[in-house]
Amino acid sequence: MSKKFIELHLGSHVIIHGFDAQNKEISERVEASEFTKKLVAVSRIKSVSETFILTDYSNGRLVYWEYQDDYKTIKKVLTK
């Protein structure tokens, strides 16, 4: 049985709102003062790097989240 949610410690993030007429990303940086524990639906995760987790957001947007967790642990949980 695959996991439906994963608990992560997420902090600052960049919201991708779309693209302008010149095909340049329209983004908004949100600074967080600390990391917060959140449950994230695994189905929303698009990719994971050692620094960021890319997820779906509302209204077709995407979000790059900074995270505090260990990459190898997240990889292990997601690939089970």
PDB file of N, CA and C in Angstrom:
ATOM      1  N   MET A   1       0.847  -1.191   0.000  1.00  0.00           N
ATOM      2  CA  MET A   1       0.000   0.000   0.000  1.00  0.00           C
ATOM      3  C   MET A   1       0.883   1.242   0.000  1.00  0.00           C
ATOM      4  N   SER A   2       0.683   2.132  -0.960  1.00  0.00           N
ATOM      5  CA  SER A   2       1.507   3.335  -1.037  1.00  0.00           C
ATOM      6  C   SER A   2       0.971   4.405  -0.094  1.00  0.00           C
ATOM      7  N   LYS A   3       1.877   5.277   0.322  1.00  0.00           N
ATOM      8  CA  LYS A   3       1.510   6.347   1.245  1.00  0.00           C
ATOM      9  C   LYS A   3       0.734   7.427   0.498  1.00  0.00           C
ATOM     10  N   LYS A   4      -0.244   8.002   1.170  1.00  0.00           N
ATOM     11  CA  LYS A   4      -1.011   9.094   0.579  1.00  0.00           C
ATOM     12  C   LYS A   4      -0.466  10.448   1.004  1.00  0.00           C
ATOM     13  N   PHE A   5       0.176  10.503   2.191  1.00  0.00           N
ATOM     14  CA  PHE A   5       0.731  11.747   2.711  1.00  0.00           C
ATOM     15  C   PHE A   5       2.128  11.500   3.247  1.00  0.00           C
ATOM     16  N   ILE A   6       2.938  12.550   3.242  1.00  0.00           N
ATOM     17  CA  ILE A   6       4.261  12.504   3.833  1.00  0.00           C
ATOM     18  C   ILE A   6       4.397  13.731   4.734  1.00  0.00           C
ATOM     19  N   GLU A   7       4.985  13.546   5.911  1.00  0.00           N
ATOM     20  CA  GLU A   7       5.201  14.664   6.831  1.00  0.00           C
ATOM     21  C   GLU A   7       6.551  15.288   6.511  1.00  0.00           C
ATOM     22  N   LEU A   8       6.544  16.606   6.277  1.00  0.00           N
ATOM     23  CA  LEU A   8       7.748  17.343   5.919  1.00  0.00           C
ATOM     24  C   LEU A   8       7.877  18.602   6.756  1.00  0.00           C
ATOM     25  N   HIS A   9       9.099  19.101   6.894  1.00  0.00           N
ATOM     26  CA  HIS A   9       9.369  20.381   7.550  1.00  0.00           C
ATOM     27  C   HIS A   9       9.677  21.393   6.444  1.00  0.00           C
ATOM     28  N   LEU A  10       8.697  22.244   6.124  1.00  0.00           N
ATOM     29  CA  LEU A  10       8.793  23.171   5.006  1.00  0.00           C
ATOM     30  C   LEU A  10       8.996  24.594   5.492  1.00  0.00           C
ATOM     31  N   GLY A  11       9.742  25.369   4.695  1.00  0.00           N
ATOM     32  CA  GLY A  11      10.047  26.747   5.077  1.00  0.00           C
ATOM     33  C   GLY A  11       9.717  27.713   3.959  1.00  0.00           C
ATOM     34  N   SER A  12      10.688  28.558   3.633  1.00  0.00           N
ATOM     35  CA  SER A  12      10.501  29.548   2.582  1.00  0.00           C
ATOM     36  C   SER A  12      10.183  28.845   1.273  1.00  0.00           C
ATOM     37  N   HIS A  13       9.479  29.547   0.402  1.00  0.00           N
ATOM     38  CA  HIS A  13       9.078  28.931  -0.854  1.00  0.00           C
ATOM     39  C   HIS A  13       8.904  29.961  -1.963  1.00  0.00           C
ATOM     40  N   VAL A  14       8.891  29.460  -3.188  1.00  0.00           N
ATOM     41  CA  VAL A  14       8.673  30.295  -4.363  1.00  0.00           C
ATOM     42  C   VAL A  14       7.437  29.768  -5.073  1.00  0.00           C
ATOM     43  N   ILE A  15       6.457  30.650  -5.252  1.00  0.00           N
ATOM     44  CA  ILE A  15       5.223  30.297  -5.951  1.00  0.00           C
ATOM     45  C   ILE A  15       5.380  30.700  -7.410  1.00  0.00           C
ATOM     46  N   ILE A  16       5.146  29.765  -8.320  1.00  0.00           N
ATOM     47  CA  ILE A  16       5.183  30.054  -9.754  1.00  0.00           C
ATOM     48  C   ILE A  16       3.742  30.283 -10.205  1.00  0.00           C
ATOM     49  N   HIS A  17       3.461  31.541 -10.575  1.00  0.00           N
ATOM     50  CA  HIS A  17       2.092  31.928 -10.931  1.00  0.00           C
ATOM     51  C   HIS A  17       1.776  31.679 -12.406  1.00  0.00           C
ATOM     52  N   GLY A  18       2.800  31.512 -13.207  1.00  0.00           N
ATOM     53  CA  GLY A  18       2.597  31.313 -14.642  1.00  0.00           C
ATOM     54  C   GLY A  18       3.714  32.004 -15.407  1.00  0.00           C
ATOM     55  N   PHE A  19       3.410  32.438 -16.626  1.00  0.00           N
ATOM     56  CA  PHE A  19       4.407  33.059 -17.495  1.00  0.00           C
ATOM     57  C   PHE A  19       3.853  34.347 -18.088  1.00  0.00           C
ATOM     58  N   ASP A  20       4.753  35.326 -18.324  1.00  0.00           N
ATOM     59  CA  ASP A  20       4.327  36.579 -18.937  1.00  0.00           C
ATOM     60  C   ASP A  20       4.370  36.453 -20.461  1.00  0.00           C
ATOM     61  N   ALA A  21       4.131  37.552 -21.165  1.00  0.00           N
ATOM     62  CA  ALA A  21       4.081  37.540 -22.630  1.00  0.00           C
ATOM     63  C   ALA A  21       5.421  37.167 -23.264  1.00  0.00           C
ATOM     64  N   GLN A  22       6.519  37.351 -22.537  1.00  0.00           N
ATOM     65  CA  GLN A  22       7.857  36.998 -23.029  1.00  0.00           C
ATOM     66  C   GLN A  22       8.277  35.601 -22.559  1.00  0.00           C
ATOM     67  N   ASN A  23       7.334  34.831 -22.031  1.00  0.00           N
ATOM     68  CA  ASN A  23       7.554  33.467 -21.554  1.00  0.00           C
ATOM     69  C   ASN A  23       8.496  33.414 -20.346  1.00  0.00           C
ATOM     70  N   LYS A  24       8.543  34.500 -19.576  1.00  0.00           N
ATOM     71  CA  LYS A  24       9.343  34.545 -18.353  1.00  0.00           C
ATOM     72  C   LYS A  24       8.435  34.170 -17.180  1.00  0.00           C
ATOM     73  N   GLU A  25       8.971  33.311 -16.282  1.00  0.00           N
ATOM     74  CA  GLU A  25       8.172  32.901 -15.122  1.00  0.00           C
ATOM     75  C   GLU A  25       7.783  34.099 -14.273  1.00  0.00           C
ATOM     76  N   ILE A  26       6.543  34.068 -13.823  1.00  0.00           N
ATOM     77  CA  ILE A  26       6.074  35.055 -12.851  1.00  0.00           C
ATOM     78  C   ILE A  26       6.101  34.349 -11.510  1.00  0.00           C
ATOM     79  N   SER A  27       7.006  34.793 -10.636  1.00  0.00           N
ATOM     80  CA  SER A  27       7.184  34.091  -9.364  1.00  0.00           C
ATOM     81  C   SER A  27       7.099  35.052  -8.185  1.00  0.00           C
ATOM     82  N   GLU A  28       6.806  34.479  -7.041  1.00  0.00           N
ATOM     83  CA  GLU A  28       6.681  35.242  -5.792  1.00  0.00           C
ATOM     84  C   GLU A  28       7.439  34.489  -4.701  1.00  0.00           C
ATOM     85  N   ARG A  29       8.435  35.118  -4.117  1.00  0.00           N
ATOM     86  CA  ARG A  29       9.227  34.506  -3.040  1.00  0.00           C
ATOM     87  C   ARG A  29       8.547  34.809  -1.710  1.00  0.00           C
ATOM     88  N   VAL A  30       8.330  33.778  -0.896  1.00  0.00           N
ATOM     89  CA  VAL A  30       7.730  33.924   0.430  1.00  0.00           C
ATOM     90  C   VAL A  30       8.762  33.454   1.452  1.00  0.00           C
ATOM     91  N   GLU A  31       9.215  34.358   2.295  1.00  0.00           N
ATOM     92  CA  GLU A  31      10.222  34.052   3.314  1.00  0.00           C
ATOM     93  C   GLU A  31       9.531  33.594   4.602  1.00  0.00           C
ATOM     94  N   ALA A  32       9.953  32.467   5.106  1.00  0.00           N
ATOM     95  CA  ALA A  32       9.430  31.958   6.378  1.00  0.00           C
ATOM     96  C   ALA A  32      10.519  32.122   7.434  1.00  0.00           C
ATOM     97  N   SER A  33      10.136  32.474   8.635  1.00  0.00           N
ATOM     98  CA  SER A  33      11.113  32.673   9.700  1.00  0.00           C
ATOM     99  C   SER A  33      11.608  31.348  10.275  1.00  0.00           C
ATOM    100  N   GLU A  34      10.824  30.290  10.063  1.00  0.00           N
ATOM    101  CA  GLU A  34      11.226  28.971  10.547  1.00  0.00           C
ATOM    102  C   GLU A  34      10.528  27.889   9.724  1.00  0.00           C
ATOM    103  N   PHE A  35      10.993  26.672   9.855  1.00  0.00           N
ATOM    104  CA  PHE A  35      10.367  25.547   9.177  1.00  0.00           C
ATOM    105  C   PHE A  35       9.152  25.099   9.971  1.00  0.00           C
ATOM    106  N   THR A  36       8.106  24.681   9.242  1.00  0.00           N
ATOM    107  CA  THR A  36       6.864  24.237   9.854  1.00  0.00           C
ATOM    108  C   THR A  36       6.555  22.819   9.388  1.00  0.00           C
ATOM    109  N   LYS A  37       6.117  21.988  10.321  1.00  0.00           N
ATOM    110  CA  LYS A  37       5.746  20.612   9.998  1.00  0.00           C
ATOM    111  C   LYS A  37       4.415  20.617   9.251  1.00  0.00           C
ATOM    112  N   LYS A  38       4.387  19.951   8.085  1.00  0.00           N
ATOM    113  CA  LYS A  38       3.166  19.880   7.279  1.00  0.00           C
ATOM    114  C   LYS A  38       3.002  18.474   6.717  1.00  0.00           C
ATOM    115  N   LEU A  39       1.764  18.058   6.544  1.00  0.00           N
ATOM    116  CA  LEU A  39       1.460  16.836   5.807  1.00  0.00           C
ATOM    117  C   LEU A  39       1.200  17.243   4.362  1.00  0.00           C
ATOM    118  N   VAL A  40       1.902  16.592   3.432  1.00  0.00           N
ATOM    119  CA  VAL A  40       1.766  16.913   2.014  1.00  0.00           C
ATOM    120  C   VAL A  40       1.263  15.660   1.299  1.00  0.00           C
ATOM    121  N   ALA A  41       0.261  15.829   0.458  1.00  0.00           N
ATOM    122  CA  ALA A  41      -0.234  14.708  -0.336  1.00  0.00           C
ATOM    123  C   ALA A  41       0.855  14.294  -1.319  1.00  0.00           C
ATOM    124  N   VAL A  42       1.209  13.027  -1.301  1.00  0.00           N
ATOM    125  CA  VAL A  42       2.250  12.509  -2.187  1.00  0.00           C
ATOM    126  C   VAL A  42       1.883  12.779  -3.645  1.00  0.00           C
ATOM    127  N   SER A  43       0.618  12.736  -3.979  1.00  0.00           N
ATOM    128  CA  SER A  43       0.166  12.973  -5.352  1.00  0.00           C
ATOM    129  C   SER A  43       0.475  14.389  -5.834  1.00  0.00           C
ATOM    130  N   ARG A  44       0.726  15.338  -4.919  1.00  0.00           N
ATOM    131  CA  ARG A  44       1.041  16.722  -5.296  1.00  0.00           C
ATOM    132  C   ARG A  44       2.524  16.925  -5.580  1.00  0.00           C
ATOM    133  N   ILE A  45       3.385  15.989  -5.179  1.00  0.00           N
ATOM    134  CA  ILE A  45       4.827  16.148  -5.337  1.00  0.00           C
ATOM    135  C   ILE A  45       5.226  15.842  -6.773  1.00  0.00           C
ATOM    136  N   LYS A  46       5.910  16.802  -7.402  1.00  0.00           N
ATOM    137  CA  LYS A  46       6.365  16.665  -8.788  1.00  0.00           C
ATOM    138  C   LYS A  46       7.818  16.222  -8.852  1.00  0.00           C
ATOM    139  N   SER A  47       8.665  16.764  -7.948  1.00  0.00           N
ATOM    140  CA  SER A  47      10.070  16.373  -7.922  1.00  0.00           C
ATOM    141  C   SER A  47      10.685  16.770  -6.587  1.00  0.00           C
ATOM    142  N   VAL A  48      11.841  16.145  -6.293  1.00  0.00           N
ATOM    143  CA  VAL A  48      12.561  16.415  -5.053  1.00  0.00           C
ATOM    144  C   VAL A  48      14.043  16.539  -5.389  1.00  0.00           C
ATOM    145  N   SER A  49      14.661  17.619  -4.923  1.00  0.00           N
ATOM    146  CA  SER A  49      16.110  17.769  -5.025  1.00  0.00           C
ATOM    147  C   SER A  49      16.650  17.805  -3.597  1.00  0.00           C
ATOM    148  N   GLU A  50      17.936  18.009  -3.445  1.00  0.00           N
ATOM    149  CA  GLU A  50      18.498  18.055  -2.096  1.00  0.00           C
ATOM    150  C   GLU A  50      18.143  19.346  -1.367  1.00  0.00           C
ATOM    151  N   THR A  51      17.555  20.309  -2.071  1.00  0.00           N
ATOM    152  CA  THR A  51      17.192  21.594  -1.465  1.00  0.00           C
ATOM    153  C   THR A  51      15.698  21.888  -1.515  1.00  0.00           C
ATOM    154  N   PHE A  52      15.047  21.506  -2.622  1.00  0.00           N
ATOM    155  CA  PHE A  52      13.653  21.882  -2.844  1.00  0.00           C
ATOM    156  C   PHE A  52      12.761  20.681  -3.134  1.00  0.00           C
ATOM    157  N   ILE A  53      11.482  20.858  -2.783  1.00  0.00           N
ATOM    158  CA  ILE A  53      10.428  19.936  -3.193  1.00  0.00           C
ATOM    159  C   ILE A  53       9.462  20.753  -4.037  1.00  0.00           C
ATOM    160  N   LEU A  54       9.214  20.302  -5.264  1.00  0.00           N
ATOM    161  CA  LEU A  54       8.291  20.977  -6.168  1.00  0.00           C
ATOM    162  C   LEU A  54       6.931  20.307  -6.035  1.00  0.00           C
ATOM    163  N   THR A  55       5.904  21.116  -5.743  1.00  0.00           N
ATOM    164  CA  THR A  55       4.552  20.576  -5.590  1.00  0.00           C
ATOM    165  C   THR A  55       3.546  21.395  -6.395  1.00  0.00           C
ATOM    166  N   ASP A  56       2.415  20.740  -6.688  1.00  0.00           N
ATOM    167  CA  ASP A  56       1.265  21.469  -7.222  1.00  0.00           C
ATOM    168  C   ASP A  56       0.772  22.419  -6.156  1.00  0.00           C
ATOM    169  N   TYR A  57       0.153  23.511  -6.585  1.00  0.00           N
ATOM    170  CA  TYR A  57      -0.439  24.487  -5.678  1.00  0.00           C
ATOM    171  C   TYR A  57      -1.839  24.771  -6.212  1.00  0.00           C
ATOM    172  N   SER A  58      -2.497  25.740  -5.709  1.00  0.00           N
ATOM    173  CA  SER A  58      -3.868  26.035  -6.154  1.00  0.00           C
ATOM    174  C   SER A  58      -3.884  26.730  -7.515  1.00  0.00           C
ATOM    175  N   ASN A  59      -4.985  26.590  -8.211  1.00  0.00           N
ATOM    176  CA  ASN A  59      -5.239  27.255  -9.488  1.00  0.00           C
ATOM    177  C   ASN A  59      -4.151  27.028 -10.537  1.00  0.00           C
ATOM    178  N   GLY A  60      -3.601  25.800 -10.590  1.00  0.00           N
ATOM    179  CA  GLY A  60      -2.615  25.460 -11.604  1.00  0.00           C
ATOM    180  C   GLY A  60      -1.211  25.972 -11.355  1.00  0.00           C
ATOM    181  N   ARG A  61      -0.973  26.553 -10.200  1.00  0.00           N
ATOM    182  CA  ARG A  61       0.363  27.066  -9.890  1.00  0.00           C
ATOM    183  C   ARG A  61       1.238  25.954  -9.322  1.00  0.00           C
ATOM    184  N   LEU A  62       2.541  26.235  -9.244  1.00  0.00           N
ATOM    185  CA  LEU A  62       3.515  25.321  -8.663  1.00  0.00           C
ATOM    186  C   LEU A  62       4.249  26.035  -7.528  1.00  0.00           C
ATOM    187  N   VAL A  63       4.809  25.253  -6.599  1.00  0.00           N
ATOM    188  CA  VAL A  63       5.577  25.838  -5.497  1.00  0.00           C
ATOM    189  C   VAL A  63       6.858  25.047  -5.293  1.00  0.00           C
ATOM    190  N   TYR A  64       7.967  25.772  -5.197  1.00  0.00           N
ATOM    191  CA  TYR A  64       9.248  25.198  -4.794  1.00  0.00           C
ATOM    192  C   TYR A  64       9.412  25.463  -3.307  1.00  0.00           C
ATOM    193  N   TRP A  65       9.351  24.417  -2.486  1.00  0.00           N
ATOM    194  CA  TRP A  65       9.479  24.540  -1.032  1.00  0.00           C
ATOM    195  C   TRP A  65      10.907  24.209  -0.600  1.00  0.00           C
ATOM    196  N   GLU A  66      11.493  25.029   0.255  1.00  0.00           N
ATOM    197  CA  GLU A  66      12.715  24.635   0.936  1.00  0.00           C
ATOM    198  C   GLU A  66      12.295  23.680   2.039  1.00  0.00           C
ATOM    199  N   TYR A  67      13.095  22.653   2.279  1.00  0.00           N
ATOM    200  CA  TYR A  67      12.741  21.703   3.325  1.00  0.00           C
ATOM    201  C   TYR A  67      13.943  21.397   4.202  1.00  0.00           C
ATOM    202  N   GLN A  68      13.660  20.932   5.404  1.00  0.00           N
ATOM    203  CA  GLN A  68      14.683  20.688   6.410  1.00  0.00           C
ATOM    204  C   GLN A  68      15.001  19.198   6.558  1.00  0.00           C
ATOM    205  N   ASP A  69      14.197  18.353   5.981  1.00  0.00           N
ATOM    206  CA  ASP A  69      14.336  16.910   6.156  1.00  0.00           C
ATOM    207  C   ASP A  69      15.515  16.366   5.350  1.00  0.00           C
ATOM    208  N   ASP A  70      15.863  15.134   5.591  1.00  0.00           N
ATOM    209  CA  ASP A  70      16.955  14.462   4.914  1.00  0.00           C
ATOM    210  C   ASP A  70      16.498  13.928   3.554  1.00  0.00           C
ATOM    211  N   TYR A  71      17.221  14.278   2.495  1.00  0.00           N
ATOM    212  CA  TYR A  71      16.865  13.867   1.136  1.00  0.00           C
ATOM    213  C   TYR A  71      16.754  12.344   1.007  1.00  0.00           C
ATOM    214  N   LYS A  72      17.722  11.629   1.554  1.00  0.00           N
ATOM    215  CA  LYS A  72      17.719  10.166   1.431  1.00  0.00           C
ATOM    216  C   LYS A  72      16.496   9.547   2.102  1.00  0.00           C
ATOM    217  N   THR A  73      16.084  10.116   3.232  1.00  0.00           N
ATOM    218  CA  THR A  73      14.900   9.607   3.929  1.00  0.00           C
ATOM    219  C   THR A  73      13.644   9.861   3.103  1.00  0.00           C
ATOM    220  N   ILE A  74      13.515  11.057   2.544  1.00  0.00           N
ATOM    221  CA  ILE A  74      12.354  11.386   1.715  1.00  0.00           C
ATOM    222  C   ILE A  74      12.330  10.484   0.485  1.00  0.00           C
ATOM    223  N   LYS A  75      13.474  10.302  -0.152  1.00  0.00           N
ATOM    224  CA  LYS A  75      13.558   9.436  -1.326  1.00  0.00           C
ATOM    225  C   LYS A  75      13.108   8.022  -0.987  1.00  0.00           C
ATOM    226  N   LYS A  76      13.555   7.525   0.142  1.00  0.00           N
ATOM    227  CA  LYS A  76      13.198   6.157   0.567  1.00  0.00           C
ATOM    228  C   LYS A  76      11.698   6.023   0.763  1.00  0.00           C
ATOM    229  N   VAL A  77      11.089   7.014   1.435  1.00  0.00           N
ATOM    230  CA  VAL A  77       9.646   6.986   1.687  1.00  0.00           C
ATOM    231  C   VAL A  77       8.860   7.063   0.378  1.00  0.00           C
ATOM    232  N   LEU A  78       9.277   7.935  -0.540  1.00  0.00           N
ATOM    233  CA  LEU A  78       8.539   8.132  -1.787  1.00  0.00           C
ATOM    234  C   LEU A  78       8.713   6.995  -2.785  1.00  0.00           C
ATOM    235  N   THR A  79       9.804   6.269  -2.701  1.00  0.00           N
ATOM    236  CA  THR A  79      10.047   5.219  -3.689  1.00  0.00           C
ATOM    237  C   THR A  79       9.672   3.825  -3.184  1.00  0.00           C
ATOM    238  N   LYS A  80       9.113   3.734  -1.982  1.00  0.00           N
ATOM    239  CA  LYS A  80       8.655   2.443  -1.440  1.00  0.00           C
ATOM    240  C   LYS A  80       7.476   1.926  -2.190  1.00  0.00           C
TER     241      LYS A  80
END
